[in-house]
Amino acid sequence: MEYVYASLVLHAAGKKVDEAGLANILKAAGAQVDEARVKAMVAALEGVNIDEAIKSAAVPAVAAPAAAPAKAEKKKEEKKVEEEKEEEALAGLGALFG
């Protein structure tokens, strides 16, 4: 993951994402540099529009509000269970006076 972060730092700084830049960022952060992974990262990012990739990665965050109906259903279910318990308790009290 640190290779991805280092690539993003270079991109945010307006620098070209290359092997030397990645290695320097990783060394400065105190990470161990694996030259094969550095080369693989640079090759994987070749021809990729990083700004567009970031925008497309942000889309799933919009789907988060879909979880709200599940909470409402859970509250309804809890309320139903409480009502059932109350009915059972009232039935038991009726047996005392019946």
PDB file of N, CA and C in Angstrom:
ATOM      1  N   MET A   1       0.813  -1.179   0.000  1.00  0.00           N
ATOM      2  CA  MET A   1       0.000   0.000   0.000  1.00  0.00           C
ATOM      3  C   MET A   1       0.868   1.259   0.000  1.00  0.00           C
ATOM      4  N   GLU A   2       2.036   1.149   0.618  1.00  0.00           N
ATOM      5  CA  GLU A   2       2.904   2.318   0.680  1.00  0.00           C
ATOM      6  C   GLU A   2       3.368   2.759  -0.709  1.00  0.00           C
ATOM      7  N   TYR A   3       3.412   1.835  -1.657  1.00  0.00           N
ATOM      8  CA  TYR A   3       3.804   2.183  -3.019  1.00  0.00           C
ATOM      9  C   TYR A   3       2.712   3.030  -3.689  1.00  0.00           C
ATOM     10  N   VAL A   4       1.467   2.702  -3.398  1.00  0.00           N
ATOM     11  CA  VAL A   4       0.348   3.477  -3.926  1.00  0.00           C
ATOM     12  C   VAL A   4       0.373   4.877  -3.316  1.00  0.00           C
ATOM     13  N   TYR A   5       0.562   4.943  -2.006  1.00  0.00           N
ATOM     14  CA  TYR A   5       0.601   6.240  -1.333  1.00  0.00           C
ATOM     15  C   TYR A   5       1.751   7.103  -1.854  1.00  0.00           C
ATOM     16  N   ALA A   6       2.900   6.487  -2.046  1.00  0.00           N
ATOM     17  CA  ALA A   6       4.049   7.230  -2.562  1.00  0.00           C
ATOM     18  C   ALA A   6       3.752   7.763  -3.962  1.00  0.00           C
ATOM     19  N   SER A   7       3.062   6.972  -4.760  1.00  0.00           N
ATOM     20  CA  SER A   7       2.677   7.421  -6.106  1.00  0.00           C
ATOM     21  C   SER A   7       1.728   8.605  -6.023  1.00  0.00           C
ATOM     22  N   LEU A   8       0.788   8.542  -5.091  1.00  0.00           N
ATOM     23  CA  LEU A   8      -0.156   9.648  -4.922  1.00  0.00           C
ATOM     24  C   LEU A   8       0.532  10.917  -4.425  1.00  0.00           C
ATOM     25  N   VAL A   9       1.525  10.767  -3.576  1.00  0.00           N
ATOM     26  CA  VAL A   9       2.274  11.930  -3.087  1.00  0.00           C
ATOM     27  C   VAL A   9       3.002  12.593  -4.249  1.00  0.00           C
ATOM     28  N   LEU A  10       3.653  11.781  -5.076  1.00  0.00           N
ATOM     29  CA  LEU A  10       4.345  12.341  -6.233  1.00  0.00           C
ATOM     30  C   LEU A  10       3.362  13.051  -7.155  1.00  0.00           C
ATOM     31  N   HIS A  11       2.239  12.419  -7.405  1.00  0.00           N
ATOM     32  CA  HIS A  11       1.230  13.016  -8.287  1.00  0.00           C
ATOM     33  C   HIS A  11       0.697  14.323  -7.702  1.00  0.00           C
ATOM     34  N   ALA A  12       0.400  14.330  -6.418  1.00  0.00           N
ATOM     35  CA  ALA A  12      -0.127  15.536  -5.769  1.00  0.00           C
ATOM     36  C   ALA A  12       0.889  16.676  -5.797  1.00  0.00           C
ATOM     37  N   ALA A  13       2.159  16.323  -5.772  1.00  0.00           N
ATOM     38  CA  ALA A  13       3.210  17.337  -5.809  1.00  0.00           C
ATOM     39  C   ALA A  13       3.501  17.800  -7.234  1.00  0.00           C
ATOM     40  N   GLY A  14       2.811  17.205  -8.201  1.00  0.00           N
ATOM     41  CA  GLY A  14       3.021  17.593  -9.594  1.00  0.00           C
ATOM     42  C   GLY A  14       4.257  16.978 -10.213  1.00  0.00           C
ATOM     43  N   LYS A  15       4.782  15.958  -9.575  1.00  0.00           N
ATOM     44  CA  LYS A  15       5.984  15.280 -10.084  1.00  0.00           C
ATOM     45  C   LYS A  15       5.582  14.066 -10.913  1.00  0.00           C
ATOM     46  N   LYS A  16       6.486  13.650 -11.772  1.00  0.00           N
ATOM     47  CA  LYS A  16       6.259  12.449 -12.576  1.00  0.00           C
ATOM     48  C   LYS A  16       6.447  11.227 -11.674  1.00  0.00           C
ATOM     49  N   VAL A  17       5.545  10.264 -11.802  1.00  0.00           N
ATOM     50  CA  VAL A  17       5.662   9.031 -11.019  1.00  0.00           C
ATOM     51  C   VAL A  17       6.650   8.129 -11.750  1.00  0.00           C
ATOM     52  N   ASP A  18       7.881   8.105 -11.232  1.00  0.00           N
ATOM     53  CA  ASP A  18       8.911   7.256 -11.826  1.00  0.00           C
ATOM     54  C   ASP A  18       9.618   6.475 -10.723  1.00  0.00           C
ATOM     55  N   GLU A  19      10.497   5.575 -11.143  1.00  0.00           N
ATOM     56  CA  GLU A  19      11.160   4.687 -10.183  1.00  0.00           C
ATOM     57  C   GLU A  19      11.989   5.453  -9.160  1.00  0.00           C
ATOM     58  N   ALA A  20      12.735   6.442  -9.609  1.00  0.00           N
ATOM     59  CA  ALA A  20      13.588   7.197  -8.691  1.00  0.00           C
ATOM     60  C   ALA A  20      12.741   7.964  -7.678  1.00  0.00           C
ATOM     61  N   GLY A  21      11.673   8.579  -8.147  1.00  0.00           N
ATOM     62  CA  GLY A  21      10.806   9.337  -7.249  1.00  0.00           C
ATOM     63  C   GLY A  21      10.143   8.445  -6.209  1.00  0.00           C
ATOM     64  N   LEU A  22       9.625   7.301  -6.659  1.00  0.00           N
ATOM     65  CA  LEU A  22       8.997   6.370  -5.709  1.00  0.00           C
ATOM     66  C   LEU A  22       9.997   5.887  -4.672  1.00  0.00           C
ATOM     67  N   ALA A  23      11.180   5.504  -5.139  1.00  0.00           N
ATOM     68  CA  ALA A  23      12.205   5.007  -4.218  1.00  0.00           C
ATOM     69  C   ALA A  23      12.581   6.079  -3.201  1.00  0.00           C
ATOM     70  N   ASN A  24      12.713   7.321  -3.652  1.00  0.00           N
ATOM     71  CA  ASN A  24      13.075   8.412  -2.741  1.00  0.00           C
ATOM     72  C   ASN A  24      11.992   8.655  -1.692  1.00  0.00           C
ATOM     73  N   ILE A  25      10.728   8.645  -2.114  1.00  0.00           N
ATOM     74  CA  ILE A  25       9.624   8.854  -1.162  1.00  0.00           C
ATOM     75  C   ILE A  25       9.612   7.739  -0.128  1.00  0.00           C
ATOM     76  N   LEU A  26       9.741   6.510  -0.588  1.00  0.00           N
ATOM     77  CA  LEU A  26       9.703   5.366   0.335  1.00  0.00           C
ATOM     78  C   LEU A  26      10.872   5.398   1.305  1.00  0.00           C
ATOM     79  N   LYS A  27      12.060   5.723   0.818  1.00  0.00           N
ATOM     80  CA  LYS A  27      13.232   5.817   1.691  1.00  0.00           C
ATOM     81  C   LYS A  27      13.053   6.925   2.724  1.00  0.00           C
ATOM     82  N   ALA A  28      12.515   8.051   2.279  1.00  0.00           N
ATOM     83  CA  ALA A  28      12.299   9.178   3.194  1.00  0.00           C
ATOM     84  C   ALA A  28      11.294   8.820   4.288  1.00  0.00           C
ATOM     85  N   ALA A  29      10.359   7.935   3.962  1.00  0.00           N
ATOM     86  CA  ALA A  29       9.357   7.516   4.940  1.00  0.00           C
ATOM     87  C   ALA A  29       9.880   6.407   5.844  1.00  0.00           C
ATOM     88  N   GLY A  30      11.071   5.908   5.542  1.00  0.00           N
ATOM     89  CA  GLY A  30      11.655   4.853   6.364  1.00  0.00           C
ATOM     90  C   GLY A  30      11.198   3.459   5.976  1.00  0.00           C
ATOM     91  N   ALA A  31      10.589   3.330   4.799  1.00  0.00           N
ATOM     92  CA  ALA A  31      10.120   2.021   4.342  1.00  0.00           C
ATOM     93  C   ALA A  31      11.236   1.307   3.586  1.00  0.00           C
ATOM     94  N   GLN A  32      11.181   0.000   3.599  1.00  0.00           N
ATOM     95  CA  GLN A  32      12.119  -0.797   2.816  1.00  0.00           C
ATOM     96  C   GLN A  32      11.675  -0.738   1.358  1.00  0.00           C
ATOM     97  N   VAL A  33      12.608  -0.515   0.459  1.00  0.00           N
ATOM     98  CA  VAL A  33      12.285  -0.372  -0.950  1.00  0.00           C
ATOM     99  C   VAL A  33      12.581  -1.676  -1.673  1.00  0.00           C
ATOM    100  N   ASP A  34      11.535  -2.217  -2.307  1.00  0.00           N
ATOM    101  CA  ASP A  34      11.674  -3.405  -3.137  1.00  0.00           C
ATOM    102  C   ASP A  34      11.661  -2.916  -4.585  1.00  0.00           C
ATOM    103  N   GLU A  35      12.809  -2.980  -5.226  1.00  0.00           N
ATOM    104  CA  GLU A  35      12.948  -2.438  -6.578  1.00  0.00           C
ATOM    105  C   GLU A  35      11.967  -3.083  -7.564  1.00  0.00           C
ATOM    106  N   ALA A  36      11.671  -4.358  -7.389  1.00  0.00           N
ATOM    107  CA  ALA A  36      10.719  -5.038  -8.280  1.00  0.00           C
ATOM    108  C   ALA A  36       9.320  -4.452  -8.125  1.00  0.00           C
ATOM    109  N   ARG A  37       8.940  -4.161  -6.904  1.00  0.00           N
ATOM    110  CA  ARG A  37       7.618  -3.561  -6.671  1.00  0.00           C
ATOM    111  C   ARG A  37       7.561  -2.131  -7.189  1.00  0.00           C
ATOM    112  N   VAL A  38       8.667  -1.412  -7.076  1.00  0.00           N
ATOM    113  CA  VAL A  38       8.728  -0.051  -7.603  1.00  0.00           C
ATOM    114  C   VAL A  38       8.529  -0.087  -9.110  1.00  0.00           C
ATOM    115  N   LYS A  39       9.255  -0.985  -9.790  1.00  0.00           N
ATOM    116  CA  LYS A  39       9.118  -1.109 -11.239  1.00  0.00           C
ATOM    117  C   LYS A  39       7.710  -1.528 -11.624  1.00  0.00           C
ATOM    118  N   ALA A  40       7.125  -2.439 -10.867  1.00  0.00           N
ATOM    119  CA  ALA A  40       5.767  -2.909 -11.158  1.00  0.00           C
ATOM    120  C   ALA A  40       4.756  -1.770 -10.996  1.00  0.00           C
ATOM    121  N   MET A  41       4.932  -0.947  -9.987  1.00  0.00           N
ATOM    122  CA  MET A  41       4.014   0.177  -9.756  1.00  0.00           C
ATOM    123  C   MET A  41       4.107   1.194 -10.885  1.00  0.00           C
ATOM    124  N   VAL A  42       5.316   1.530 -11.282  1.00  0.00           N
ATOM    125  CA  VAL A  42       5.504   2.492 -12.366  1.00  0.00           C
ATOM    126  C   VAL A  42       4.900   1.927 -13.655  1.00  0.00           C
ATOM    127  N   ALA A  43       5.111   0.650 -13.913  1.00  0.00           N
ATOM    128  CA  ALA A  43       4.562   0.029 -15.118  1.00  0.00           C
ATOM    129  C   ALA A  43       3.031  -0.001 -15.062  1.00  0.00           C
ATOM    130  N   ALA A  44       2.473  -0.273 -13.893  1.00  0.00           N
ATOM    131  CA  ALA A  44       1.013  -0.334 -13.746  1.00  0.00           C
ATOM    132  C   ALA A  44       0.371   1.036 -13.938  1.00  0.00           C
ATOM    133  N   LEU A  45       1.079   2.092 -13.581  1.00  0.00           N
ATOM    134  CA  LEU A  45       0.523   3.442 -13.689  1.00  0.00           C
ATOM    135  C   LEU A  45       0.803   4.103 -15.040  1.00  0.00           C
ATOM    136  N   GLU A  46       1.579   3.428 -15.870  1.00  0.00           N
ATOM    137  CA  GLU A  46       1.902   3.994 -17.180  1.00  0.00           C
ATOM    138  C   GLU A  46       0.631   4.132 -18.014  1.00  0.00           C
ATOM    139  N   GLY A  47       0.362   5.341 -18.448  1.00  0.00           N
ATOM    140  CA  GLY A  47      -0.817   5.605 -19.266  1.00  0.00           C
ATOM    141  C   GLY A  47      -2.109   5.768 -18.480  1.00  0.00           C
ATOM    142  N   VAL A  48      -2.035   5.729 -17.148  1.00  0.00           N
ATOM    143  CA  VAL A  48      -3.226   5.882 -16.310  1.00  0.00           C
ATOM    144  C   VAL A  48      -3.395   7.351 -15.937  1.00  0.00           C
ATOM    145  N   ASN A  49      -4.598   7.849 -16.105  1.00  0.00           N
ATOM    146  CA  ASN A  49      -4.917   9.210 -15.664  1.00  0.00           C
ATOM    147  C   ASN A  49      -5.284   9.106 -14.180  1.00  0.00           C
ATOM    148  N   ILE A  50      -4.370   9.481 -13.326  1.00  0.00           N
ATOM    149  CA  ILE A  50      -4.547   9.300 -11.882  1.00  0.00           C
ATOM    150  C   ILE A  50      -5.730  10.109 -11.367  1.00  0.00           C
ATOM    151  N   ASP A  51      -5.923  11.314 -11.885  1.00  0.00           N
ATOM    152  CA  ASP A  51      -7.062  12.128 -11.447  1.00  0.00           C
ATOM    153  C   ASP A  51      -8.383  11.431 -11.750  1.00  0.00           C
ATOM    154  N   GLU A  52      -8.507  10.842 -12.929  1.00  0.00           N
ATOM    155  CA  GLU A  52      -9.733  10.120 -13.289  1.00  0.00           C
ATOM    156  C   GLU A  52      -9.903   8.870 -12.429  1.00  0.00           C
ATOM    157  N   ALA A  53      -8.805   8.184 -12.151  1.00  0.00           N
ATOM    158  CA  ALA A  53      -8.870   6.990 -11.309  1.00  0.00           C
ATOM    159  C   ALA A  53      -9.342   7.338  -9.905  1.00  0.00           C
ATOM    160  N   ILE A  54      -8.901   8.472  -9.386  1.00  0.00           N
ATOM    161  CA  ILE A  54      -9.329   8.906  -8.052  1.00  0.00           C
ATOM    162  C   ILE A  54     -10.813   9.229  -8.058  1.00  0.00           C
ATOM    163  N   LYS A  55     -11.273   9.937  -9.104  1.00  0.00           N
ATOM    164  CA  LYS A  55     -12.690  10.285  -9.197  1.00  0.00           C
ATOM    165  C   LYS A  55     -13.559   9.038  -9.273  1.00  0.00           C
ATOM    166  N   SER A  56     -13.146   8.056 -10.062  1.00  0.00           N
ATOM    167  CA  SER A  56     -13.956   6.835 -10.202  1.00  0.00           C
ATOM    168  C   SER A  56     -13.922   6.000  -8.927  1.00  0.00           C
ATOM    169  N   ALA A  57     -12.858   6.114  -8.151  1.00  0.00           N
ATOM    170  CA  ALA A  57     -12.776   5.376  -6.890  1.00  0.00           C
ATOM    171  C   ALA A  57     -13.657   6.003  -5.827  1.00  0.00           C
ATOM    172  N   ALA A  58     -13.998   7.268  -5.976  1.00  0.00           N
ATOM    173  CA  ALA A  58     -14.819   7.970  -4.984  1.00  0.00           C
ATOM    174  C   ALA A  58     -16.299   7.664  -5.143  1.00  0.00           C
ATOM    175  N   VAL A  59     -16.714   7.051  -6.227  1.00  0.00           N
ATOM    176  CA  VAL A  59     -18.132   6.778  -6.484  1.00  0.00           C
ATOM    177  C   VAL A  59     -18.765   5.873  -5.424  1.00  0.00           C
ATOM    178  N   PRO A  60     -18.136   4.807  -4.944  1.00  0.00           N
ATOM    179  CA  PRO A  60     -18.792   3.960  -3.947  1.00  0.00           C
ATOM    180  C   PRO A  60     -19.175   4.686  -2.662  1.00  0.00           C
ATOM    181  N   ALA A  61     -18.552   5.790  -2.350  1.00  0.00           N
ATOM    182  CA  ALA A  61     -18.897   6.537  -1.147  1.00  0.00           C
ATOM    183  C   ALA A  61     -20.319   7.077  -1.231  1.00  0.00           C
ATOM    184  N   VAL A  62     -20.839   7.262  -2.427  1.00  0.00           N
ATOM    185  CA  VAL A  62     -22.200   7.754  -2.607  1.00  0.00           C
ATOM    186  C   VAL A  62     -23.211   6.691  -2.193  1.00  0.00           C
ATOM    187  N   ALA A  63     -22.847   5.426  -2.289  1.00  0.00           N
ATOM    188  CA  ALA A  63     -23.762   4.335  -1.971  1.00  0.00           C
ATOM    189  C   ALA A  63     -23.965   4.148  -0.466  1.00  0.00           C
ATOM    190  N   ALA A  64     -23.210   4.800   0.364  1.00  0.00           N
ATOM    191  CA  ALA A  64     -23.303   4.625   1.813  1.00  0.00           C
ATOM    192  C   ALA A  64     -24.683   4.919   2.395  1.00  0.00           C
ATOM    193  N   PRO A  65     -25.409   5.947   1.957  1.00  0.00           N
ATOM    194  CA  PRO A  65     -26.726   6.199   2.549  1.00  0.00           C
ATOM    195  C   PRO A  65     -27.728   5.062   2.355  1.00  0.00           C
ATOM    196  N   ALA A  66     -27.459   4.130   1.494  1.00  0.00           N
ATOM    197  CA  ALA A  66     -28.370   3.002   1.290  1.00  0.00           C
ATOM    198  C   ALA A  66     -28.481   2.138   2.549  1.00  0.00           C
ATOM    199  N   ALA A  67     -27.546   2.254   3.452  1.00  0.00           N
ATOM    200  CA  ALA A  67     -27.578   1.472   4.682  1.00  0.00           C
ATOM    201  C   ALA A  67     -28.620   1.992   5.666  1.00  0.00           C
ATOM    202  N   ALA A  68     -29.084   3.193   5.505  1.00  0.00           N
ATOM    203  CA  ALA A  68     -30.042   3.790   6.441  1.00  0.00           C
ATOM    204  C   ALA A  68     -31.345   3.000   6.548  1.00  0.00           C
ATOM    205  N   PRO A  69     -31.949   2.514   5.466  1.00  0.00           N
ATOM    206  CA  PRO A  69     -33.187   1.745   5.613  1.00  0.00           C
ATOM    207  C   PRO A  69     -33.006   0.483   6.458  1.00  0.00           C
ATOM    208  N   ALA A  70     -31.841  -0.106   6.440  1.00  0.00           N
ATOM    209  CA  ALA A  70     -31.599  -1.296   7.249  1.00  0.00           C
ATOM    210  C   ALA A  70     -31.720  -0.965   8.732  1.00  0.00           C
ATOM    211  N   LYS A  71     -31.255   0.204   9.130  1.00  0.00           N
ATOM    212  CA  LYS A  71     -31.376   0.618  10.527  1.00  0.00           C
ATOM    213  C   LYS A  71     -32.836   0.800  10.909  1.00  0.00           C
ATOM    214  N   ALA A  72     -33.627   1.378  10.006  1.00  0.00           N
ATOM    215  CA  ALA A  72     -35.041   1.587  10.287  1.00  0.00           C
ATOM    216  C   ALA A  72     -35.752   0.251  10.457  1.00  0.00           C
ATOM    217  N   GLU A  73     -35.416  -0.717   9.612  1.00  0.00           N
ATOM    218  CA  GLU A  73     -36.018  -2.040   9.734  1.00  0.00           C
ATOM    219  C   GLU A  73     -35.631  -2.697  11.049  1.00  0.00           C
ATOM    220  N   LYS A  74     -34.378  -2.515  11.454  1.00  0.00           N
ATOM    221  CA  LYS A  74     -33.907  -3.103  12.701  1.00  0.00           C
ATOM    222  C   LYS A  74     -34.665  -2.506  13.883  1.00  0.00           C
ATOM    223  N   LYS A  75     -34.907  -1.186  13.864  1.00  0.00           N
ATOM    224  CA  LYS A  75     -35.647  -0.540  14.951  1.00  0.00           C
ATOM    225  C   LYS A  75     -37.076  -1.059  15.001  1.00  0.00           C
ATOM    226  N   LYS A  76     -37.708  -1.243  13.824  1.00  0.00           N
ATOM    227  CA  LYS A  76     -39.065  -1.768  13.786  1.00  0.00           C
ATOM    228  C   LYS A  76     -39.104  -3.185  14.353  1.00  0.00           C
ATOM    229  N   GLU A  77     -38.104  -3.962  14.013  1.00  0.00           N
ATOM    230  CA  GLU A  77     -38.030  -5.337  14.492  1.00  0.00           C
ATOM    231  C   GLU A  77     -37.866  -5.371  16.006  1.00  0.00           C
ATOM    232  N   GLU A  78     -36.997  -4.491  16.537  1.00  0.00           N
ATOM    233  CA  GLU A  78     -36.791  -4.418  17.982  1.00  0.00           C
ATOM    234  C   GLU A  78     -38.075  -4.008  18.691  1.00  0.00           C
ATOM    235  N   LYS A  79     -38.799  -3.058  18.106  1.00  0.00           N
ATOM    236  CA  LYS A  79     -40.044  -2.587  18.699  1.00  0.00           C
ATOM    237  C   LYS A  79     -41.072  -3.718  18.716  1.00  0.00           C
ATOM    238  N   LYS A  80     -41.121  -4.505  17.657  1.00  0.00           N
ATOM    239  CA  LYS A  80     -42.053  -5.623  17.564  1.00  0.00           C
ATOM    240  C   LYS A  80     -41.747  -6.665  18.639  1.00  0.00           C
ATOM    241  N   VAL A  81     -40.468  -6.941  18.849  1.00  0.00           N
ATOM    242  CA  VAL A  81     -40.066  -7.904  19.874  1.00  0.00           C
ATOM    243  C   VAL A  81     -40.470  -7.396  21.251  1.00  0.00           C
ATOM    244  N   GLU A  82     -40.294  -6.090  21.497  1.00  0.00           N
ATOM    245  CA  GLU A  82     -40.679  -5.510  22.786  1.00  0.00           C
ATOM    246  C   GLU A  82     -42.187  -5.625  22.996  1.00  0.00           C
ATOM    247  N   GLU A  83     -42.968  -5.369  21.960  1.00  0.00           N
ATOM    248  CA  GLU A  83     -44.422  -5.471  22.063  1.00  0.00           C
ATOM    249  C   GLU A  83     -44.847  -6.903  22.364  1.00  0.00           C
ATOM    250  N   GLU A  84     -44.182  -7.869  21.743  1.00  0.00           N
ATOM    251  CA  GLU A  84     -44.505  -9.273  22.006  1.00  0.00           C
ATOM    252  C   GLU A  84     -44.214  -9.633  23.461  1.00  0.00           C
ATOM    253  N   LYS A  85     -43.100  -9.118  23.994  1.00  0.00           N
ATOM    254  CA  LYS A  85     -42.759  -9.383  25.387  1.00  0.00           C
ATOM    255  C   LYS A  85     -43.801  -8.788  26.328  1.00  0.00           C
ATOM    256  N   GLU A  86     -44.265  -7.570  25.988  1.00  0.00           N
ATOM    257  CA  GLU A  86     -45.286  -6.928  26.811  1.00  0.00           C
ATOM    258  C   GLU A  86     -46.582  -7.738  26.785  1.00  0.00           C
ATOM    259  N   GLU A  87     -46.973  -8.254  25.639  1.00  0.00           N
ATOM    260  CA  GLU A  87     -48.183  -9.058  25.523  1.00  0.00           C
ATOM    261  C   GLU A  87     -48.069 -10.334  26.360  1.00  0.00           C
ATOM    262  N   GLU A  88     -46.896 -10.958  26.329  1.00  0.00           N
ATOM    263  CA  GLU A  88     -46.678 -12.160  27.129  1.00  0.00           C
ATOM    264  C   GLU A  88     -46.787 -11.842  28.620  1.00  0.00           C
ATOM    265  N   ALA A  89     -46.222 -10.695  28.998  1.00  0.00           N
ATOM    266  CA  ALA A  89     -46.259 -10.313  30.413  1.00  0.00           C
ATOM    267  C   ALA A  89     -47.680 -10.037  30.840  1.00  0.00           C
ATOM    268  N   LEU A  90     -48.481  -9.366  30.006  1.00  0.00           N
ATOM    269  CA  LEU A  90     -49.860  -9.091  30.322  1.00  0.00           C
ATOM    270  C   LEU A  90     -50.683 -10.376  30.397  1.00  0.00           C
ATOM    271  N   ALA A  91     -50.398 -11.323  29.539  1.00  0.00           N
ATOM    272  CA  ALA A  91     -51.104 -12.610  29.574  1.00  0.00           C
ATOM    273  C   ALA A  91     -50.804 -13.329  30.887  1.00  0.00           C
ATOM    274  N   GLY A  92     -49.582 -13.229  31.349  1.00  0.00           N
ATOM    275  CA  GLY A  92     -49.218 -13.855  32.604  1.00  0.00           C
ATOM    276  C   GLY A  92     -49.922 -13.196  33.789  1.00  0.00           C
ATOM    277  N   LEU A  93     -50.105 -11.880  33.763  1.00  0.00           N
ATOM    278  CA  LEU A  93     -50.819 -11.177  34.823  1.00  0.00           C
ATOM    279  C   LEU A  93     -52.295 -11.555  34.838  1.00  0.00           C
ATOM    280  N   GLY A  94     -52.856 -11.785  33.657  1.00  0.00           N
ATOM    281  CA  GLY A  94     -54.248 -12.189  33.569  1.00  0.00           C
ATOM    282  C   GLY A  94     -54.487 -13.522  34.260  1.00  0.00           C
ATOM    283  N   ALA A  95     -53.541 -14.406  34.244  1.00  0.00           N
ATOM    284  CA  ALA A  95     -53.680 -15.718  34.875  1.00  0.00           C
ATOM    285  C   ALA A  95     -53.727 -15.559  36.402  1.00  0.00           C
ATOM    286  N   LEU A  96     -53.095 -14.517  36.941  1.00  0.00           N
ATOM    287  CA  LEU A  96     -53.125 -14.295  38.374  1.00  0.00           C
ATOM    288  C   LEU A  96     -54.522 -13.933  38.870  1.00  0.00           C
ATOM    289  N   PHE A  97     -55.254 -13.192  38.057  1.00  0.00           N
ATOM    290  CA  PHE A  97     -56.553 -12.714  38.469  1.00  0.00           C
ATOM    291  C   PHE A  97     -57.708 -13.500  37.847  1.00  0.00           C
ATOM    292  N   GLY A  98     -57.428 -14.484  37.060  1.00  0.00           N
ATOM    293  CA  GLY A  98     -58.448 -15.182  36.282  1.00  0.00           C
ATOM    294  C   GLY A  98     -59.149 -16.210  37.005  1.00  0.00           C
TER     295      GLY A  98
END
